[in-house]
N, C-alpha and C. Protein backbone atom coordinates (compact mmCIF):
# COMPACT_ATOMS: atom_id res chain seq x y z
N UNK A 1 -13.13 5.62 -27.30
CA UNK A 1 -12.22 6.32 -26.43
C UNK A 1 -11.71 5.34 -25.37
N UNK A 2 -10.40 5.35 -25.12
CA UNK A 2 -9.80 4.47 -24.13
C UNK A 2 -9.73 5.19 -22.80
N UNK A 3 -10.24 4.53 -21.75
CA UNK A 3 -10.20 5.10 -20.41
C UNK A 3 -8.80 4.92 -19.83
N UNK A 4 -8.24 5.98 -19.27
CA UNK A 4 -6.93 5.93 -18.65
C UNK A 4 -7.08 5.45 -17.21
N UNK A 5 -6.37 4.39 -16.88
CA UNK A 5 -6.41 3.88 -15.51
C UNK A 5 -5.58 4.75 -14.59
N UNK A 6 -6.06 4.92 -13.38
CA UNK A 6 -5.30 5.64 -12.37
C UNK A 6 -3.97 4.91 -12.18
N UNK A 7 -2.86 5.63 -12.09
CA UNK A 7 -1.53 4.99 -11.97
C UNK A 7 -1.44 3.97 -10.83
N UNK A 8 -2.12 4.22 -9.73
CA UNK A 8 -2.04 3.29 -8.59
C UNK A 8 -2.73 1.96 -8.87
N UNK A 9 -3.61 1.93 -9.85
CA UNK A 9 -4.30 0.68 -10.18
C UNK A 9 -3.43 -0.23 -11.05
N UNK A 10 -2.28 0.27 -11.45
CA UNK A 10 -1.36 -0.53 -12.24
C UNK A 10 -0.03 -0.70 -11.54
N UNK A 11 0.16 -0.07 -10.40
CA UNK A 11 1.48 0.03 -9.80
C UNK A 11 1.73 -1.00 -8.69
N UNK A 12 1.43 -0.66 -7.46
CA UNK A 12 1.68 -1.55 -6.33
C UNK A 12 3.12 -1.53 -5.84
N UNK A 13 3.95 -0.64 -6.40
CA UNK A 13 5.36 -0.60 -6.01
C UNK A 13 5.54 -0.29 -4.53
N UNK A 14 4.72 0.61 -3.98
CA UNK A 14 4.84 0.94 -2.56
C UNK A 14 4.52 -0.29 -1.71
N UNK A 15 3.59 -1.10 -2.15
CA UNK A 15 3.18 -2.31 -1.43
C UNK A 15 4.23 -3.41 -1.49
N UNK A 16 5.15 -3.27 -2.44
CA UNK A 16 6.23 -4.24 -2.57
C UNK A 16 7.58 -3.62 -2.23
N UNK A 17 7.54 -2.51 -1.49
CA UNK A 17 8.80 -1.83 -1.18
C UNK A 17 8.93 -1.40 0.28
N UNK A 18 7.83 -0.99 0.91
CA UNK A 18 7.91 -0.40 2.24
C UNK A 18 7.27 -1.26 3.33
N UNK A 19 7.84 -1.18 4.51
CA UNK A 19 7.27 -1.79 5.72
C UNK A 19 6.06 -0.95 6.11
N UNK A 20 5.01 -1.61 6.55
CA UNK A 20 3.79 -0.91 6.95
C UNK A 20 3.50 -1.24 8.42
N UNK A 21 3.77 -0.28 9.29
CA UNK A 21 3.49 -0.44 10.72
C UNK A 21 2.41 0.54 11.13
N UNK A 22 1.67 0.14 12.17
CA UNK A 22 0.57 0.97 12.63
C UNK A 22 0.22 0.61 14.07
N UNK A 23 -0.60 1.42 14.68
CA UNK A 23 -1.02 1.22 16.06
C UNK A 23 -2.01 0.06 16.17
N UNK A 24 -1.94 -0.65 17.27
CA UNK A 24 -2.87 -1.76 17.54
C UNK A 24 -4.32 -1.28 17.45
N UNK A 25 -4.55 -0.01 17.72
CA UNK A 25 -5.91 0.53 17.71
C UNK A 25 -6.51 0.66 16.31
N UNK A 26 -5.69 0.42 15.29
CA UNK A 26 -6.22 0.41 13.92
C UNK A 26 -6.77 -0.96 13.53
N UNK A 27 -6.54 -1.97 14.36
CA UNK A 27 -7.06 -3.32 14.07
C UNK A 27 -8.57 -3.37 14.27
N UNK A 28 -9.23 -4.18 13.48
CA UNK A 28 -10.69 -4.30 13.55
C UNK A 28 -11.16 -4.72 14.94
N UNK A 29 -10.42 -5.57 15.61
CA UNK A 29 -10.80 -6.04 16.94
C UNK A 29 -10.63 -5.00 18.03
N UNK A 30 -9.98 -3.90 17.69
CA UNK A 30 -9.74 -2.82 18.66
C UNK A 30 -10.52 -1.57 18.29
N UNK A 31 -11.47 -1.71 17.37
CA UNK A 31 -12.30 -0.58 16.97
C UNK A 31 -11.86 0.08 15.68
N UNK A 32 -10.75 -0.38 15.11
CA UNK A 32 -10.28 0.16 13.84
C UNK A 32 -10.86 -0.61 12.67
N UNK A 33 -10.14 -0.60 11.55
CA UNK A 33 -10.68 -1.26 10.37
C UNK A 33 -9.74 -2.27 9.71
N UNK A 34 -8.48 -2.33 10.12
CA UNK A 34 -7.52 -3.24 9.49
C UNK A 34 -7.81 -4.69 9.95
N UNK A 35 -8.03 -5.59 9.00
CA UNK A 35 -8.30 -6.99 9.37
C UNK A 35 -7.10 -7.61 10.11
N UNK A 36 -7.36 -8.15 11.29
CA UNK A 36 -6.29 -8.73 12.11
C UNK A 36 -5.57 -9.88 11.42
N UNK A 37 -6.25 -10.62 10.57
CA UNK A 37 -5.65 -11.76 9.90
C UNK A 37 -4.53 -11.36 8.93
N UNK A 38 -4.48 -10.07 8.56
CA UNK A 38 -3.47 -9.60 7.61
C UNK A 38 -2.30 -8.89 8.28
N UNK A 39 -2.25 -8.94 9.61
CA UNK A 39 -1.19 -8.22 10.33
C UNK A 39 -0.67 -9.07 11.49
N UNK A 40 0.48 -8.64 12.02
CA UNK A 40 1.05 -9.34 13.18
C UNK A 40 1.65 -8.31 14.13
N UNK A 41 1.74 -8.72 15.40
CA UNK A 41 2.27 -7.83 16.42
C UNK A 41 3.78 -7.68 16.27
N UNK A 42 4.26 -6.47 16.40
CA UNK A 42 5.69 -6.19 16.36
C UNK A 42 6.18 -6.07 17.79
N UNK A 43 5.57 -5.18 18.55
CA UNK A 43 5.89 -5.03 19.97
C UNK A 43 4.85 -4.13 20.62
N UNK A 44 4.35 -4.55 21.74
CA UNK A 44 3.38 -3.73 22.46
C UNK A 44 2.21 -3.32 21.61
N UNK A 45 2.11 -2.02 21.35
CA UNK A 45 0.95 -1.55 20.58
C UNK A 45 1.27 -1.34 19.10
N UNK A 46 2.40 -1.82 18.61
CA UNK A 46 2.77 -1.69 17.20
C UNK A 46 2.50 -2.98 16.45
N UNK A 47 1.84 -2.89 15.31
CA UNK A 47 1.54 -4.01 14.45
C UNK A 47 2.07 -3.72 13.05
N UNK A 48 2.21 -4.75 12.26
CA UNK A 48 2.78 -4.62 10.91
C UNK A 48 1.96 -5.47 9.95
N UNK A 49 1.77 -4.97 8.74
CA UNK A 49 1.08 -5.74 7.71
C UNK A 49 1.92 -6.96 7.36
N UNK A 50 1.29 -8.12 7.26
CA UNK A 50 2.00 -9.34 6.86
C UNK A 50 2.63 -9.12 5.49
N UNK A 51 3.83 -9.64 5.35
CA UNK A 51 4.54 -9.55 4.08
C UNK A 51 5.43 -8.33 3.96
N UNK A 52 5.37 -7.42 4.95
CA UNK A 52 6.18 -6.20 4.85
C UNK A 52 7.33 -6.16 5.85
N UNK A 53 7.59 -7.26 6.53
CA UNK A 53 8.64 -7.27 7.57
C UNK A 53 10.04 -7.43 7.01
N UNK A 54 10.20 -8.17 5.94
CA UNK A 54 11.54 -8.46 5.40
C UNK A 54 11.49 -8.46 3.88
N UNK A 55 12.67 -8.33 3.29
CA UNK A 55 12.77 -8.35 1.82
C UNK A 55 12.78 -9.78 1.32
N UNK A 56 12.15 -10.10 0.23
CA UNK A 56 11.38 -9.18 -0.60
C UNK A 56 10.04 -8.83 0.06
N UNK A 57 9.69 -7.57 -0.01
CA UNK A 57 8.45 -7.06 0.57
C UNK A 57 7.30 -7.29 -0.40
N UNK A 58 6.19 -7.76 0.13
CA UNK A 58 4.93 -7.82 -0.63
C UNK A 58 3.81 -7.86 0.39
N UNK A 59 3.10 -6.76 0.51
CA UNK A 59 2.01 -6.67 1.48
C UNK A 59 0.97 -7.75 1.19
N UNK A 60 0.48 -8.37 2.25
CA UNK A 60 -0.52 -9.43 2.12
C UNK A 60 -1.83 -8.93 1.51
N UNK A 61 -2.07 -7.63 1.55
CA UNK A 61 -3.31 -7.09 1.00
C UNK A 61 -3.21 -6.75 -0.49
N UNK A 62 -2.02 -6.82 -1.06
CA UNK A 62 -1.85 -6.50 -2.48
C UNK A 62 -2.35 -7.64 -3.36
N UNK A 63 -3.14 -7.27 -4.35
CA UNK A 63 -3.66 -8.22 -5.32
C UNK A 63 -3.17 -7.80 -6.70
N UNK A 64 -2.65 -8.73 -7.45
CA UNK A 64 -2.18 -8.42 -8.79
C UNK A 64 -0.67 -8.40 -8.87
N UNK A 65 -0.18 -7.89 -9.99
CA UNK A 65 1.26 -7.88 -10.25
C UNK A 65 1.76 -6.45 -10.33
N UNK A 66 2.82 -6.18 -9.61
CA UNK A 66 3.42 -4.84 -9.56
C UNK A 66 3.75 -4.35 -10.97
N UNK A 67 3.32 -3.12 -11.26
CA UNK A 67 3.62 -2.49 -12.53
C UNK A 67 2.67 -2.84 -13.66
N UNK A 68 1.76 -3.77 -13.43
CA UNK A 68 0.85 -4.18 -14.50
C UNK A 68 -0.61 -3.94 -14.14
N UNK A 69 -1.05 -4.56 -13.10
CA UNK A 69 -2.42 -4.40 -12.63
C UNK A 69 -2.46 -4.84 -11.18
N UNK A 70 -2.64 -3.89 -10.29
CA UNK A 70 -2.66 -4.24 -8.88
C UNK A 70 -3.62 -3.33 -8.12
N UNK A 71 -4.05 -3.79 -6.98
CA UNK A 71 -4.94 -3.02 -6.12
C UNK A 71 -4.82 -3.53 -4.69
N UNK A 72 -5.29 -2.73 -3.77
CA UNK A 72 -5.28 -3.11 -2.36
C UNK A 72 -6.60 -3.79 -2.05
N UNK A 73 -6.54 -5.01 -1.55
CA UNK A 73 -7.76 -5.76 -1.26
C UNK A 73 -8.51 -5.22 -0.04
N UNK A 74 -7.84 -4.38 0.74
CA UNK A 74 -8.49 -3.78 1.92
C UNK A 74 -8.47 -2.25 1.84
N UNK A 75 -8.53 -1.72 0.64
CA UNK A 75 -8.37 -0.28 0.43
C UNK A 75 -9.17 0.57 1.42
N UNK A 76 -10.43 0.28 1.59
CA UNK A 76 -11.27 1.05 2.50
C UNK A 76 -10.91 0.81 3.96
N UNK A 77 -10.13 -0.23 4.24
CA UNK A 77 -9.78 -0.60 5.61
C UNK A 77 -8.28 -0.55 5.86
N UNK A 78 -7.52 0.07 4.95
CA UNK A 78 -6.07 0.10 5.04
C UNK A 78 -5.60 0.94 6.23
N UNK A 79 -4.38 0.68 6.70
CA UNK A 79 -3.84 1.44 7.83
C UNK A 79 -3.58 2.90 7.47
N UNK A 80 -3.44 3.71 8.49
CA UNK A 80 -3.20 5.14 8.28
C UNK A 80 -1.91 5.39 7.52
N UNK A 81 -0.89 4.57 7.75
CA UNK A 81 0.38 4.73 7.03
C UNK A 81 0.15 4.66 5.52
N UNK A 82 -0.73 3.80 5.09
CA UNK A 82 -1.04 3.68 3.66
C UNK A 82 -1.88 4.86 3.19
N UNK A 83 -2.80 5.30 4.03
CA UNK A 83 -3.64 6.47 3.68
C UNK A 83 -2.78 7.72 3.52
N UNK A 84 -1.72 7.82 4.32
CA UNK A 84 -0.85 9.00 4.30
C UNK A 84 0.19 8.97 3.19
N UNK A 85 0.38 7.81 2.56
CA UNK A 85 1.40 7.70 1.51
C UNK A 85 0.99 8.56 0.32
N UNK A 86 1.88 9.44 -0.11
CA UNK A 86 1.55 10.37 -1.19
C UNK A 86 2.01 9.87 -2.54
N UNK A 87 1.03 9.65 -3.40
CA UNK A 87 1.34 9.25 -4.76
C UNK A 87 2.08 10.39 -5.45
N UNK A 88 3.15 10.06 -6.15
CA UNK A 88 3.94 11.06 -6.85
C UNK A 88 5.01 11.68 -5.98
N UNK A 89 5.08 11.30 -4.71
CA UNK A 89 6.08 11.84 -3.79
C UNK A 89 7.45 11.22 -4.08
N UNK A 90 8.46 11.70 -3.38
CA UNK A 90 9.81 11.14 -3.52
C UNK A 90 9.83 9.66 -3.13
N UNK A 91 9.12 9.32 -2.07
CA UNK A 91 9.04 7.91 -1.64
C UNK A 91 8.36 7.05 -2.69
N UNK A 92 7.34 7.59 -3.34
CA UNK A 92 6.65 6.89 -4.43
C UNK A 92 7.64 6.66 -5.57
N UNK A 93 8.37 7.70 -5.93
CA UNK A 93 9.35 7.59 -7.03
C UNK A 93 10.42 6.56 -6.70
N UNK A 94 10.86 6.51 -5.44
CA UNK A 94 11.88 5.53 -5.02
C UNK A 94 11.35 4.10 -5.16
N UNK A 95 10.12 3.88 -4.72
CA UNK A 95 9.52 2.55 -4.82
C UNK A 95 9.34 2.15 -6.27
N UNK A 96 8.86 3.07 -7.09
CA UNK A 96 8.66 2.77 -8.51
C UNK A 96 10.00 2.47 -9.19
N UNK A 97 11.04 3.26 -8.88
CA UNK A 97 12.36 3.03 -9.47
C UNK A 97 12.91 1.66 -9.09
N UNK A 98 12.66 1.25 -7.86
CA UNK A 98 13.13 -0.06 -7.40
C UNK A 98 12.51 -1.20 -8.19
N UNK A 99 11.37 -0.93 -8.82
CA UNK A 99 10.66 -1.95 -9.60
C UNK A 99 10.73 -1.66 -11.10
N UNK A 100 11.64 -0.76 -11.47
CA UNK A 100 11.85 -0.46 -12.89
C UNK A 100 10.76 0.37 -13.52
N UNK A 101 10.02 1.10 -12.70
CA UNK A 101 8.92 1.94 -13.20
C UNK A 101 9.34 3.40 -13.15
N UNK A 102 8.91 4.20 -14.13
CA UNK A 102 9.27 5.63 -14.11
C UNK A 102 8.49 6.38 -13.03
N UNK A 103 9.06 7.49 -12.58
CA UNK A 103 8.37 8.34 -11.61
C UNK A 103 7.11 8.90 -12.27
N UNK A 104 6.12 9.22 -11.47
CA UNK A 104 4.89 9.81 -11.98
C UNK A 104 5.09 11.30 -12.19
N UNK A 105 4.52 11.82 -13.26
CA UNK A 105 4.69 13.23 -13.60
C UNK A 105 3.99 14.15 -12.62
N UNK A 106 2.81 13.78 -12.18
CA UNK A 106 2.05 14.60 -11.25
C UNK A 106 1.35 13.72 -10.26
N UNK A 107 0.66 14.31 -9.34
CA UNK A 107 -0.05 13.54 -8.33
C UNK A 107 -1.55 13.65 -8.58
N UNK A 108 -2.10 12.73 -9.39
CA UNK A 108 -3.55 12.73 -9.63
C UNK A 108 -4.33 12.52 -8.33
N UNK A 109 -5.61 12.76 -8.39
CA UNK A 109 -6.44 12.54 -7.22
C UNK A 109 -6.39 11.10 -6.76
N UNK A 110 -6.96 10.86 -5.59
CA UNK A 110 -6.97 9.54 -4.98
C UNK A 110 -7.49 8.47 -5.95
N UNK A 111 -6.85 7.33 -5.88
CA UNK A 111 -7.22 6.22 -6.76
C UNK A 111 -8.55 5.62 -6.36
N UNK A 112 -9.41 5.34 -7.32
CA UNK A 112 -10.67 4.66 -7.02
C UNK A 112 -10.40 3.18 -6.79
N UNK A 113 -10.42 2.76 -5.53
CA UNK A 113 -10.21 1.35 -5.21
C UNK A 113 -8.75 0.93 -5.24
N UNK A 114 -7.84 1.85 -5.45
CA UNK A 114 -6.41 1.52 -5.48
C UNK A 114 -5.71 2.10 -4.29
N UNK A 115 -4.57 2.74 -4.52
CA UNK A 115 -3.77 3.28 -3.44
C UNK A 115 -3.88 4.79 -3.43
N UNK A 116 -3.12 5.41 -2.60
CA UNK A 116 -2.93 6.85 -2.51
C UNK A 116 -3.05 7.31 -1.11
């Protein structure tokens, strides 16, 4: 029997499509969990994941190749913006379409070690 991989473990389109900004308080040095080495200050208390400021977008935490095999290297420590991103949503479909991937039929449960 072949095990079906969670769609987010093969995708990464959102990580190569959207800017990821978050509060300074999500940084590990401020009591949060996002590694400071993977982000930079935008202004005041706003920070952004490295690689998501300009096109082409590729989040510094993404490992692998979009559409084939990818995962978030800081999944357990990702910013709230990433935690709130809904797999199978319109935004997900837009990111997937931008990378030549079809929209997802449904929204499976959270990815084990991937996105969602």
